[in-house]
Amino acid sequence: MKIESALRDQYRKLAREEGYRSRSSYKLLELNKKYNILKKDDSILDIGCAPGGWLQVSKKYSDPNGKVVGIDINPVKPIHGISIIQADIEDPNILQIIKKVFPTPFDVVLSDLSPKVSGIWHFDHERQISLSLTALQISTKILKPRGIAVFKIFQGKYSSHVKQEASKVFSKVTTSKPKASRQKSSEFYLVCSSFSGNDTIA
């Protein structure tokens, strides 16, 4: 417990010192170092972007000519050079909303989605999986062929379903748990590479 608390404090301190909005920035930084997800001049969509830490990391790696778009149901404080959409990803018009801001396909889709946690585990797990499947469906409509996506998943009864669905449209799907994640947390990430261009998933 003490070691995990110290690690949390370490990442919070680093975030303050380095100007990131959240400690979760270090999860993406670690994933990117391992899998080379974000590249110069990439177009990147961050689904569930509040408070903006992943947006900051995305902009850092996609500069100078990249395009970063964030979407969240909650308001997000503006970040220079980044487009932020306040919308519900379960809105039936969400694709039109995104394409109005950025009409061309993206190189990368990121999803660090979490529901408002109720404390009732099976409910929270099912809700998070539902959101992740929605993010996956969105990604199949807006990614370039051979594009990359990253999805946060809560481990549990239905987590394998997301990987199965992702494997239908990505050539490689890898599971990863960054050191910056709390070790007792149920979260892990699916790193999905080489999108097939096929948008027909369940």
N, C-alpha and C. Protein backbone atom coordinates (compact mmCIF):
# COMPACT_ATOMS: atom_id res chain seq x y z
N MET A 1 0.83 -1.21 0.00
CA MET A 1 0.00 0.00 0.00
C MET A 1 0.86 1.25 0.00
N LYS A 2 1.90 1.27 0.85
CA LYS A 2 2.76 2.44 0.93
C LYS A 2 3.52 2.66 -0.37
N ILE A 3 3.98 1.55 -0.99
CA ILE A 3 4.72 1.66 -2.25
C ILE A 3 3.81 2.21 -3.34
N GLU A 4 2.58 1.68 -3.43
CA GLU A 4 1.65 2.15 -4.45
C GLU A 4 1.30 3.61 -4.24
N SER A 5 1.09 4.01 -3.00
CA SER A 5 0.79 5.41 -2.69
C SER A 5 1.95 6.31 -3.08
N ALA A 6 3.16 5.85 -2.84
CA ALA A 6 4.35 6.64 -3.20
C ALA A 6 4.45 6.81 -4.71
N LEU A 7 4.11 5.75 -5.46
CA LEU A 7 4.15 5.84 -6.91
C LEU A 7 3.11 6.83 -7.42
N ARG A 8 1.90 6.79 -6.83
CA ARG A 8 0.86 7.74 -7.23
C ARG A 8 1.34 9.17 -6.99
N ASP A 9 1.91 9.39 -5.81
CA ASP A 9 2.42 10.72 -5.48
C ASP A 9 3.53 11.14 -6.43
N GLN A 10 4.37 10.17 -6.83
CA GLN A 10 5.47 10.46 -7.74
C GLN A 10 4.93 10.98 -9.08
N TYR A 11 3.92 10.32 -9.62
CA TYR A 11 3.38 10.73 -10.91
C TYR A 11 2.60 12.04 -10.80
N ARG A 12 1.93 12.24 -9.69
CA ARG A 12 1.25 13.53 -9.49
C ARG A 12 2.26 14.66 -9.44
N LYS A 13 3.35 14.43 -8.72
CA LYS A 13 4.41 15.44 -8.62
C LYS A 13 5.02 15.72 -9.99
N LEU A 14 5.30 14.67 -10.73
CA LEU A 14 5.86 14.83 -12.08
C LEU A 14 4.91 15.63 -12.97
N ALA A 15 3.62 15.33 -12.88
CA ALA A 15 2.63 16.05 -13.70
C ALA A 15 2.66 17.54 -13.39
N ARG A 16 2.73 17.87 -12.11
CA ARG A 16 2.80 19.29 -11.73
C ARG A 16 4.08 19.93 -12.27
N GLU A 17 5.19 19.24 -12.09
CA GLU A 17 6.48 19.79 -12.50
C GLU A 17 6.59 19.95 -14.02
N GLU A 18 6.01 19.03 -14.76
CA GLU A 18 6.17 19.03 -16.21
C GLU A 18 4.98 19.64 -16.94
N GLY A 19 4.00 20.12 -16.19
CA GLY A 19 2.90 20.86 -16.78
C GLY A 19 1.79 20.04 -17.38
N TYR A 20 1.71 18.77 -17.00
CA TYR A 20 0.61 17.94 -17.50
C TYR A 20 -0.60 18.08 -16.57
N ARG A 21 -1.78 17.96 -17.15
CA ARG A 21 -3.00 18.17 -16.39
C ARG A 21 -3.36 16.98 -15.50
N SER A 22 -2.80 15.83 -15.77
CA SER A 22 -3.14 14.65 -14.98
C SER A 22 -1.98 13.66 -14.98
N ARG A 23 -1.96 12.84 -13.94
CA ARG A 23 -0.95 11.79 -13.85
C ARG A 23 -1.14 10.74 -14.94
N SER A 24 -2.34 10.66 -15.51
CA SER A 24 -2.60 9.68 -16.56
C SER A 24 -1.79 9.96 -17.82
N SER A 25 -1.26 11.19 -17.93
CA SER A 25 -0.39 11.49 -19.07
C SER A 25 0.75 10.49 -19.17
N TYR A 26 1.22 10.02 -18.02
CA TYR A 26 2.38 9.12 -18.01
C TYR A 26 2.01 7.71 -18.48
N LYS A 27 0.73 7.38 -18.42
CA LYS A 27 0.30 6.11 -19.01
C LYS A 27 0.48 6.15 -20.52
N LEU A 28 0.02 7.25 -21.13
CA LEU A 28 0.16 7.37 -22.58
C LEU A 28 1.63 7.52 -22.98
N LEU A 29 2.39 8.28 -22.23
CA LEU A 29 3.81 8.43 -22.53
C LEU A 29 4.51 7.07 -22.52
N GLU A 30 4.17 6.24 -21.55
CA GLU A 30 4.78 4.91 -21.45
C GLU A 30 4.33 4.01 -22.59
N LEU A 31 3.03 4.02 -22.89
CA LEU A 31 2.52 3.23 -24.01
C LEU A 31 3.15 3.67 -25.33
N ASN A 32 3.30 4.97 -25.49
CA ASN A 32 3.87 5.49 -26.73
C ASN A 32 5.34 5.09 -26.88
N LYS A 33 6.07 5.13 -25.78
CA LYS A 33 7.48 4.74 -25.83
C LYS A 33 7.62 3.28 -26.24
N LYS A 34 6.70 2.45 -25.78
CA LYS A 34 6.78 1.00 -26.05
C LYS A 34 6.26 0.64 -27.43
N TYR A 35 5.20 1.34 -27.89
CA TYR A 35 4.52 0.91 -29.12
C TYR A 35 4.59 1.93 -30.26
N ASN A 36 5.21 3.08 -30.04
CA ASN A 36 5.37 4.09 -31.10
C ASN A 36 4.02 4.45 -31.72
N ILE A 37 3.09 4.85 -30.88
CA ILE A 37 1.72 5.13 -31.30
C ILE A 37 1.58 6.49 -31.98
N LEU A 38 2.20 7.51 -31.40
CA LEU A 38 2.03 8.89 -31.84
C LEU A 38 3.24 9.34 -32.64
N LYS A 39 2.98 9.93 -33.80
CA LYS A 39 4.08 10.32 -34.68
C LYS A 39 3.90 11.76 -35.16
N LYS A 40 4.99 12.33 -35.59
CA LYS A 40 5.00 13.69 -36.13
C LYS A 40 3.95 13.83 -37.22
N ASP A 41 3.18 14.91 -37.13
CA ASP A 41 2.16 15.29 -38.11
C ASP A 41 0.93 14.38 -38.12
N ASP A 42 0.78 13.51 -37.13
CA ASP A 42 -0.40 12.66 -37.04
C ASP A 42 -1.66 13.48 -36.76
N SER A 43 -2.79 12.98 -37.23
CA SER A 43 -4.10 13.46 -36.79
C SER A 43 -4.60 12.48 -35.73
N ILE A 44 -5.01 13.01 -34.57
CA ILE A 44 -5.30 12.18 -33.39
C ILE A 44 -6.64 12.60 -32.79
N LEU A 45 -7.49 11.62 -32.52
CA LEU A 45 -8.74 11.85 -31.79
C LEU A 45 -8.63 11.21 -30.42
N ASP A 46 -8.87 11.99 -29.37
CA ASP A 46 -8.84 11.50 -27.99
C ASP A 46 -10.27 11.47 -27.46
N ILE A 47 -10.81 10.27 -27.29
CA ILE A 47 -12.18 10.09 -26.82
C ILE A 47 -12.18 9.95 -25.30
N GLY A 48 -12.94 10.81 -24.63
CA GLY A 48 -12.91 10.84 -23.16
C GLY A 48 -11.69 11.58 -22.68
N CYS A 49 -11.50 12.78 -23.21
CA CYS A 49 -10.22 13.49 -23.09
C CYS A 49 -10.04 14.27 -21.79
N ALA A 50 -11.09 14.51 -21.01
CA ALA A 50 -10.94 15.31 -19.78
C ALA A 50 -10.00 14.61 -18.79
N PRO A 51 -9.17 15.38 -18.10
CA PRO A 51 -9.03 16.84 -18.11
C PRO A 51 -8.09 17.39 -19.18
N GLY A 52 -7.47 16.52 -19.98
CA GLY A 52 -6.65 17.00 -21.08
C GLY A 52 -5.21 16.52 -21.10
N GLY A 53 -4.84 15.65 -20.19
CA GLY A 53 -3.45 15.18 -20.14
C GLY A 53 -3.03 14.43 -21.39
N TRP A 54 -3.93 13.58 -21.91
CA TRP A 54 -3.59 12.84 -23.13
C TRP A 54 -3.56 13.76 -24.34
N LEU A 55 -4.37 14.82 -24.32
CA LEU A 55 -4.32 15.81 -25.39
C LEU A 55 -2.95 16.48 -25.44
N GLN A 56 -2.42 16.83 -24.27
CA GLN A 56 -1.11 17.47 -24.20
C GLN A 56 -0.01 16.57 -24.76
N VAL A 57 -0.06 15.30 -24.38
CA VAL A 57 0.93 14.34 -24.89
C VAL A 57 0.78 14.19 -26.41
N SER A 58 -0.45 14.09 -26.87
CA SER A 58 -0.71 13.93 -28.31
C SER A 58 -0.17 15.10 -29.11
N LYS A 59 -0.38 16.31 -28.60
CA LYS A 59 0.12 17.49 -29.31
C LYS A 59 1.64 17.52 -29.34
N LYS A 60 2.25 17.12 -28.25
CA LYS A 60 3.71 17.09 -28.16
C LYS A 60 4.31 16.23 -29.28
N TYR A 61 3.71 15.09 -29.53
CA TYR A 61 4.29 14.16 -30.50
C TYR A 61 3.82 14.41 -31.93
N SER A 62 2.66 15.06 -32.11
CA SER A 62 2.15 15.28 -33.46
C SER A 62 2.56 16.62 -34.05
N ASP A 63 3.13 17.50 -33.25
CA ASP A 63 3.63 18.77 -33.79
C ASP A 63 4.72 18.51 -34.82
N PRO A 64 4.95 19.39 -35.80
CA PRO A 64 4.36 20.73 -35.89
C PRO A 64 3.07 20.81 -36.68
N ASN A 65 2.77 19.81 -37.51
CA ASN A 65 1.64 19.93 -38.43
C ASN A 65 0.51 18.94 -38.15
N GLY A 66 0.55 18.30 -36.99
CA GLY A 66 -0.51 17.36 -36.65
C GLY A 66 -1.79 18.08 -36.24
N LYS A 67 -2.85 17.31 -36.12
CA LYS A 67 -4.14 17.83 -35.68
C LYS A 67 -4.64 16.96 -34.53
N VAL A 68 -4.94 17.60 -33.40
CA VAL A 68 -5.43 16.88 -32.23
C VAL A 68 -6.84 17.36 -31.91
N VAL A 69 -7.75 16.40 -31.78
CA VAL A 69 -9.15 16.69 -31.45
C VAL A 69 -9.51 15.87 -30.21
N GLY A 70 -10.12 16.51 -29.24
CA GLY A 70 -10.58 15.81 -28.04
C GLY A 70 -12.08 15.88 -27.93
N ILE A 71 -12.66 14.84 -27.35
CA ILE A 71 -14.11 14.83 -27.14
C ILE A 71 -14.41 14.29 -25.75
N ASP A 72 -15.31 14.96 -25.04
CA ASP A 72 -15.70 14.52 -23.71
C ASP A 72 -17.08 15.08 -23.40
N ILE A 73 -17.82 14.33 -22.59
CA ILE A 73 -19.15 14.79 -22.18
C ILE A 73 -19.05 15.97 -21.22
N ASN A 74 -17.91 16.08 -20.54
CA ASN A 74 -17.67 17.17 -19.60
C ASN A 74 -16.88 18.29 -20.25
N PRO A 75 -17.02 19.52 -19.76
CA PRO A 75 -16.22 20.62 -20.31
C PRO A 75 -14.74 20.42 -20.02
N VAL A 76 -13.90 20.82 -20.96
CA VAL A 76 -12.45 20.71 -20.83
C VAL A 76 -11.85 22.09 -21.07
N LYS A 77 -11.00 22.51 -20.18
CA LYS A 77 -10.33 23.80 -20.32
C LYS A 77 -9.55 23.83 -21.63
N PRO A 78 -9.68 24.90 -22.41
CA PRO A 78 -9.02 24.95 -23.72
C PRO A 78 -7.50 24.76 -23.65
N ILE A 79 -6.98 24.17 -24.71
CA ILE A 79 -5.54 24.01 -24.89
C ILE A 79 -5.20 24.58 -26.26
N HIS A 80 -4.24 25.46 -26.33
CA HIS A 80 -3.88 26.13 -27.58
C HIS A 80 -3.55 25.11 -28.67
N GLY A 81 -4.17 25.28 -29.83
CA GLY A 81 -3.87 24.42 -30.97
C GLY A 81 -4.63 23.11 -30.99
N ILE A 82 -5.53 22.89 -30.04
CA ILE A 82 -6.29 21.65 -29.96
C ILE A 82 -7.79 21.96 -30.04
N SER A 83 -8.51 21.19 -30.83
CA SER A 83 -9.97 21.34 -30.93
C SER A 83 -10.63 20.41 -29.91
N ILE A 84 -11.52 20.96 -29.12
CA ILE A 84 -12.21 20.18 -28.09
C ILE A 84 -13.71 20.22 -28.32
N ILE A 85 -14.32 19.05 -28.37
CA ILE A 85 -15.75 18.92 -28.58
C ILE A 85 -16.39 18.45 -27.28
N GLN A 86 -17.40 19.18 -26.80
CA GLN A 86 -18.16 18.70 -25.64
C GLN A 86 -19.40 17.99 -26.17
N ALA A 87 -19.39 16.68 -26.06
CA ALA A 87 -20.50 15.88 -26.59
C ALA A 87 -20.48 14.50 -25.95
N ASP A 88 -21.60 13.82 -26.05
CA ASP A 88 -21.76 12.47 -25.56
C ASP A 88 -21.44 11.51 -26.70
N ILE A 89 -20.49 10.60 -26.52
CA ILE A 89 -20.13 9.69 -27.61
C ILE A 89 -21.26 8.74 -27.96
N GLU A 90 -22.26 8.61 -27.09
CA GLU A 90 -23.41 7.76 -27.40
C GLU A 90 -24.52 8.52 -28.14
N ASP A 91 -24.28 9.79 -28.42
CA ASP A 91 -25.20 10.57 -29.25
C ASP A 91 -25.24 9.92 -30.65
N PRO A 92 -26.41 9.62 -31.18
CA PRO A 92 -26.47 8.98 -32.50
C PRO A 92 -25.86 9.81 -33.62
N ASN A 93 -25.66 11.10 -33.39
CA ASN A 93 -25.07 11.99 -34.39
C ASN A 93 -23.58 12.25 -34.15
N ILE A 94 -22.95 11.43 -33.31
CA ILE A 94 -21.58 11.73 -32.90
C ILE A 94 -20.60 11.77 -34.07
N LEU A 95 -20.78 10.91 -35.06
CA LEU A 95 -19.86 10.91 -36.20
C LEU A 95 -19.95 12.22 -36.97
N GLN A 96 -21.16 12.70 -37.17
CA GLN A 96 -21.33 13.98 -37.87
C GLN A 96 -20.72 15.12 -37.06
N ILE A 97 -20.86 15.04 -35.72
CA ILE A 97 -20.29 16.08 -34.85
C ILE A 97 -18.77 16.11 -34.98
N ILE A 98 -18.16 14.93 -34.97
CA ILE A 98 -16.70 14.86 -35.09
C ILE A 98 -16.25 15.33 -36.47
N LYS A 99 -16.92 14.85 -37.51
CA LYS A 99 -16.50 15.17 -38.88
C LYS A 99 -16.72 16.64 -39.23
N LYS A 100 -17.61 17.28 -38.49
CA LYS A 100 -17.79 18.72 -38.71
C LYS A 100 -16.53 19.48 -38.28
N VAL A 101 -15.86 18.98 -37.25
CA VAL A 101 -14.63 19.61 -36.76
C VAL A 101 -13.42 19.16 -37.58
N PHE A 102 -13.38 17.85 -37.93
CA PHE A 102 -12.25 17.30 -38.68
C PHE A 102 -12.80 16.29 -39.68
N PRO A 103 -13.02 16.70 -40.93
CA PRO A 103 -13.74 15.85 -41.88
C PRO A 103 -12.95 14.69 -42.47
N THR A 104 -11.64 14.69 -42.34
CA THR A 104 -10.83 13.62 -42.92
C THR A 104 -10.47 12.57 -41.89
N PRO A 105 -10.11 11.35 -42.30
CA PRO A 105 -9.82 10.28 -41.35
C PRO A 105 -8.60 10.58 -40.46
N PHE A 106 -8.59 9.95 -39.30
CA PHE A 106 -7.52 10.12 -38.32
C PHE A 106 -6.47 9.02 -38.45
N ASP A 107 -5.24 9.37 -38.06
CA ASP A 107 -4.17 8.37 -37.96
C ASP A 107 -4.30 7.53 -36.69
N VAL A 108 -4.76 8.17 -35.62
CA VAL A 108 -4.79 7.53 -34.31
C VAL A 108 -6.09 7.88 -33.58
N VAL A 109 -6.68 6.90 -32.92
CA VAL A 109 -7.79 7.14 -31.99
C VAL A 109 -7.35 6.63 -30.61
N LEU A 110 -7.51 7.47 -29.62
CA LEU A 110 -7.20 7.13 -28.23
C LEU A 110 -8.49 7.14 -27.42
N SER A 111 -8.63 6.19 -26.51
CA SER A 111 -9.80 6.16 -25.64
C SER A 111 -9.38 5.79 -24.22
N ASP A 112 -9.49 6.74 -23.32
CA ASP A 112 -9.19 6.51 -21.90
C ASP A 112 -10.48 6.62 -21.09
N LEU A 113 -11.55 6.10 -21.66
CA LEU A 113 -12.88 6.29 -21.11
C LEU A 113 -13.10 5.55 -19.79
N SER A 114 -13.74 6.24 -18.86
CA SER A 114 -14.24 5.62 -17.63
C SER A 114 -15.63 6.19 -17.34
N PRO A 115 -16.52 5.37 -16.82
CA PRO A 115 -17.82 5.91 -16.39
C PRO A 115 -17.65 6.59 -15.03
N LYS A 116 -18.68 7.28 -14.61
CA LYS A 116 -18.71 7.74 -13.23
C LYS A 116 -18.88 6.51 -12.35
N VAL A 117 -17.85 6.22 -11.57
CA VAL A 117 -17.82 4.96 -10.83
C VAL A 117 -18.83 4.99 -9.69
N SER A 118 -19.67 3.94 -9.64
CA SER A 118 -20.72 3.87 -8.63
C SER A 118 -20.26 3.11 -7.38
N GLY A 119 -19.21 2.30 -7.55
CA GLY A 119 -18.78 1.44 -6.45
C GLY A 119 -19.38 0.05 -6.53
N ILE A 120 -20.35 -0.12 -7.44
CA ILE A 120 -20.94 -1.45 -7.68
C ILE A 120 -20.18 -2.04 -8.86
N TRP A 121 -19.27 -2.97 -8.58
CA TRP A 121 -18.27 -3.35 -9.56
C TRP A 121 -18.86 -3.88 -10.86
N HIS A 122 -19.80 -4.81 -10.80
CA HIS A 122 -20.30 -5.39 -12.04
C HIS A 122 -20.97 -4.35 -12.91
N PHE A 123 -21.64 -3.39 -12.28
CA PHE A 123 -22.27 -2.31 -13.04
C PHE A 123 -21.21 -1.42 -13.68
N ASP A 124 -20.20 -1.02 -12.91
CA ASP A 124 -19.14 -0.15 -13.44
C ASP A 124 -18.39 -0.84 -14.58
N HIS A 125 -18.11 -2.12 -14.41
CA HIS A 125 -17.41 -2.88 -15.44
C HIS A 125 -18.23 -2.93 -16.73
N GLU A 126 -19.50 -3.28 -16.63
CA GLU A 126 -20.35 -3.39 -17.81
C GLU A 126 -20.49 -2.03 -18.51
N ARG A 127 -20.60 -0.99 -17.71
CA ARG A 127 -20.74 0.36 -18.30
C ARG A 127 -19.46 0.77 -19.02
N GLN A 128 -18.30 0.48 -18.42
CA GLN A 128 -17.04 0.84 -19.06
C GLN A 128 -16.83 0.06 -20.35
N ILE A 129 -17.18 -1.22 -20.35
CA ILE A 129 -17.07 -2.03 -21.55
C ILE A 129 -17.98 -1.50 -22.65
N SER A 130 -19.19 -1.11 -22.28
CA SER A 130 -20.12 -0.54 -23.25
C SER A 130 -19.55 0.72 -23.89
N LEU A 131 -18.96 1.59 -23.07
CA LEU A 131 -18.35 2.81 -23.60
C LEU A 131 -17.17 2.49 -24.52
N SER A 132 -16.37 1.51 -24.14
CA SER A 132 -15.22 1.14 -24.95
C SER A 132 -15.64 0.56 -26.29
N LEU A 133 -16.71 -0.23 -26.30
CA LEU A 133 -17.22 -0.76 -27.56
C LEU A 133 -17.75 0.36 -28.45
N THR A 134 -18.35 1.36 -27.84
CA THR A 134 -18.80 2.53 -28.61
C THR A 134 -17.60 3.25 -29.21
N ALA A 135 -16.54 3.42 -28.43
CA ALA A 135 -15.31 4.06 -28.93
C ALA A 135 -14.71 3.24 -30.07
N LEU A 136 -14.74 1.92 -29.95
CA LEU A 136 -14.24 1.05 -31.02
C LEU A 136 -15.06 1.23 -32.29
N GLN A 137 -16.37 1.27 -32.14
CA GLN A 137 -17.23 1.46 -33.31
C GLN A 137 -16.96 2.80 -33.99
N ILE A 138 -16.78 3.84 -33.18
CA ILE A 138 -16.46 5.15 -33.74
C ILE A 138 -15.14 5.08 -34.50
N SER A 139 -14.16 4.42 -33.92
CA SER A 139 -12.83 4.36 -34.55
C SER A 139 -12.89 3.70 -35.93
N THR A 140 -13.76 2.69 -36.08
CA THR A 140 -13.85 2.02 -37.38
C THR A 140 -14.43 2.92 -38.47
N LYS A 141 -15.09 3.98 -38.06
CA LYS A 141 -15.70 4.91 -39.03
C LYS A 141 -14.78 6.07 -39.39
N ILE A 142 -13.76 6.32 -38.57
CA ILE A 142 -12.98 7.55 -38.78
C ILE A 142 -11.47 7.33 -38.86
N LEU A 143 -11.02 6.08 -38.75
CA LEU A 143 -9.58 5.81 -38.85
C LEU A 143 -9.16 5.61 -40.30
N LYS A 144 -7.93 6.03 -40.60
CA LYS A 144 -7.33 5.69 -41.89
C LYS A 144 -6.98 4.20 -41.93
N PRO A 145 -6.98 3.59 -43.09
CA PRO A 145 -6.44 2.23 -43.19
C PRO A 145 -5.02 2.18 -42.62
N ARG A 146 -4.71 1.16 -41.85
CA ARG A 146 -3.45 0.96 -41.15
C ARG A 146 -3.30 1.90 -39.94
N GLY A 147 -4.40 2.55 -39.55
CA GLY A 147 -4.37 3.41 -38.37
C GLY A 147 -4.23 2.63 -37.08
N ILE A 148 -4.02 3.37 -36.00
CA ILE A 148 -3.76 2.80 -34.67
C ILE A 148 -4.83 3.28 -33.70
N ALA A 149 -5.20 2.43 -32.75
CA ALA A 149 -6.14 2.83 -31.70
C ALA A 149 -5.69 2.24 -30.37
N VAL A 150 -6.03 2.96 -29.30
CA VAL A 150 -5.74 2.51 -27.94
C VAL A 150 -7.02 2.65 -27.12
N PHE A 151 -7.40 1.59 -26.42
CA PHE A 151 -8.63 1.59 -25.62
C PHE A 151 -8.34 1.15 -24.19
N LYS A 152 -8.80 1.93 -23.22
CA LYS A 152 -8.75 1.48 -21.83
C LYS A 152 -9.88 0.49 -21.60
N ILE A 153 -9.58 -0.56 -20.83
CA ILE A 153 -10.55 -1.60 -20.52
C ILE A 153 -10.51 -1.89 -19.03
N PHE A 154 -11.67 -2.06 -18.42
CA PHE A 154 -11.74 -2.58 -17.05
C PHE A 154 -11.77 -4.11 -17.12
N GLN A 155 -10.82 -4.74 -16.46
CA GLN A 155 -10.75 -6.20 -16.45
C GLN A 155 -12.00 -6.78 -15.78
N GLY A 156 -12.55 -7.81 -16.40
CA GLY A 156 -13.72 -8.45 -15.83
C GLY A 156 -14.37 -9.39 -16.82
N LYS A 157 -15.60 -9.74 -16.55
CA LYS A 157 -16.33 -10.77 -17.30
C LYS A 157 -16.39 -10.49 -18.80
N TYR A 158 -16.53 -9.21 -19.18
CA TYR A 158 -16.75 -8.88 -20.57
C TYR A 158 -15.55 -8.25 -21.27
N SER A 159 -14.42 -8.16 -20.60
CA SER A 159 -13.28 -7.46 -21.19
C SER A 159 -12.75 -8.16 -22.44
N SER A 160 -12.82 -9.49 -22.46
CA SER A 160 -12.31 -10.21 -23.63
C SER A 160 -13.14 -9.92 -24.88
N HIS A 161 -14.39 -9.49 -24.69
CA HIS A 161 -15.26 -9.21 -25.83
C HIS A 161 -14.73 -8.03 -26.64
N VAL A 162 -14.20 -7.02 -25.95
CA VAL A 162 -13.65 -5.87 -26.67
C VAL A 162 -12.46 -6.30 -27.52
N LYS A 163 -11.59 -7.12 -26.94
CA LYS A 163 -10.42 -7.60 -27.70
C LYS A 163 -10.86 -8.43 -28.90
N GLN A 164 -11.87 -9.25 -28.73
CA GLN A 164 -12.37 -10.07 -29.84
C GLN A 164 -12.90 -9.19 -30.97
N GLU A 165 -13.66 -8.16 -30.60
CA GLU A 165 -14.21 -7.26 -31.60
C GLU A 165 -13.11 -6.46 -32.29
N ALA A 166 -12.14 -5.99 -31.50
CA ALA A 166 -11.03 -5.22 -32.08
C ALA A 166 -10.21 -6.08 -33.05
N SER A 167 -10.07 -7.35 -32.71
CA SER A 167 -9.27 -8.25 -33.55
C SER A 167 -9.89 -8.49 -34.92
N LYS A 168 -11.17 -8.17 -35.06
CA LYS A 168 -11.84 -8.32 -36.36
C LYS A 168 -11.40 -7.26 -37.35
N VAL A 169 -10.92 -6.11 -36.82
CA VAL A 169 -10.62 -4.98 -37.71
C VAL A 169 -9.20 -4.45 -37.59
N PHE A 170 -8.42 -4.99 -36.65
CA PHE A 170 -7.01 -4.62 -36.52
C PHE A 170 -6.16 -5.87 -36.67
N SER A 171 -5.02 -5.73 -37.35
CA SER A 171 -4.15 -6.89 -37.58
C SER A 171 -3.51 -7.40 -36.30
N LYS A 172 -3.25 -6.47 -35.37
CA LYS A 172 -2.60 -6.87 -34.12
C LYS A 172 -3.26 -6.14 -32.95
N VAL A 173 -3.61 -6.88 -31.91
CA VAL A 173 -4.20 -6.30 -30.70
C VAL A 173 -3.41 -6.83 -29.51
N THR A 174 -2.77 -5.90 -28.78
CA THR A 174 -1.89 -6.25 -27.67
C THR A 174 -2.43 -5.66 -26.38
N THR A 175 -2.37 -6.42 -25.29
CA THR A 175 -2.76 -5.90 -23.99
C THR A 175 -1.54 -5.37 -23.26
N SER A 176 -1.73 -4.27 -22.53
CA SER A 176 -0.61 -3.65 -21.82
C SER A 176 -1.12 -2.93 -20.58
N LYS A 177 -0.33 -2.97 -19.52
CA LYS A 177 -0.66 -2.23 -18.30
C LYS A 177 0.54 -1.37 -17.93
N PRO A 178 0.44 -0.06 -18.15
CA PRO A 178 1.58 0.82 -17.85
C PRO A 178 1.91 0.83 -16.36
N LYS A 179 3.15 1.11 -16.05
CA LYS A 179 3.57 1.23 -14.65
C LYS A 179 2.86 2.38 -13.96
N ALA A 180 2.48 3.39 -14.74
CA ALA A 180 1.79 4.55 -14.16
C ALA A 180 0.36 4.23 -13.73
N SER A 181 -0.19 3.09 -14.18
CA SER A 181 -1.48 2.64 -13.67
C SER A 181 -1.29 2.09 -12.26
N ARG A 182 -2.27 2.33 -11.41
CA ARG A 182 -2.20 1.71 -10.08
C ARG A 182 -2.24 0.20 -10.23
N GLN A 183 -1.33 -0.48 -9.58
CA GLN A 183 -1.22 -1.92 -9.76
C GLN A 183 -2.46 -2.67 -9.28
N LYS A 184 -3.19 -2.10 -8.33
CA LYS A 184 -4.42 -2.74 -7.86
C LYS A 184 -5.62 -2.36 -8.73
N SER A 185 -5.41 -1.44 -9.66
CA SER A 185 -6.49 -1.05 -10.55
C SER A 185 -6.79 -2.17 -11.53
N SER A 186 -8.05 -2.28 -11.92
CA SER A 186 -8.46 -3.30 -12.89
C SER A 186 -8.19 -2.88 -14.33
N GLU A 187 -7.72 -1.66 -14.53
CA GLU A 187 -7.59 -1.16 -15.89
C GLU A 187 -6.37 -1.76 -16.60
N PHE A 188 -6.55 -1.95 -17.90
CA PHE A 188 -5.43 -2.23 -18.78
C PHE A 188 -5.78 -1.59 -20.13
N TYR A 189 -4.86 -1.67 -21.07
CA TYR A 189 -5.07 -1.02 -22.36
C TYR A 189 -4.91 -2.02 -23.50
N LEU A 190 -5.75 -1.85 -24.51
CA LEU A 190 -5.59 -2.56 -25.77
C LEU A 190 -4.91 -1.64 -26.75
N VAL A 191 -3.77 -2.05 -27.26
CA VAL A 191 -3.06 -1.29 -28.29
C VAL A 191 -3.31 -2.02 -29.61
N CYS A 192 -4.05 -1.36 -30.50
CA CYS A 192 -4.53 -1.99 -31.73
C CYS A 192 -3.85 -1.34 -32.93
N SER A 193 -3.18 -2.13 -33.74
CA SER A 193 -2.41 -1.57 -34.85
C SER A 193 -2.87 -2.13 -36.19
N SER A 194 -2.60 -1.33 -37.23
CA SER A 194 -2.89 -1.70 -38.62
C SER A 194 -4.37 -1.98 -38.85
N PHE A 195 -5.16 -0.92 -38.75
CA PHE A 195 -6.60 -1.01 -39.02
C PHE A 195 -6.86 -1.47 -40.45
N SER A 196 -7.78 -2.41 -40.60
CA SER A 196 -8.02 -3.03 -41.90
C SER A 196 -8.83 -2.15 -42.85
N GLY A 197 -9.51 -1.15 -42.30
CA GLY A 197 -10.43 -0.35 -43.10
C GLY A 197 -11.83 -0.92 -43.12
N ASN A 198 -12.01 -2.06 -42.47
CA ASN A 198 -13.33 -2.72 -42.38
C ASN A 198 -14.11 -2.12 -41.21
N ASP A 199 -15.32 -1.61 -41.48
CA ASP A 199 -16.11 -0.98 -40.41
C ASP A 199 -17.30 -1.82 -40.00
N THR A 200 -17.27 -3.11 -40.31
CA THR A 200 -18.41 -3.96 -39.98
C THR A 200 -18.08 -4.84 -38.77
N ILE A 201 -18.27 -4.28 -37.58
CA ILE A 201 -18.13 -5.06 -36.36
C ILE A 201 -19.47 -5.08 -35.65
N ALA A 202 -19.63 -6.02 -34.71
CA ALA A 202 -20.90 -6.16 -34.00
C ALA A 202 -21.12 -4.98 -33.07
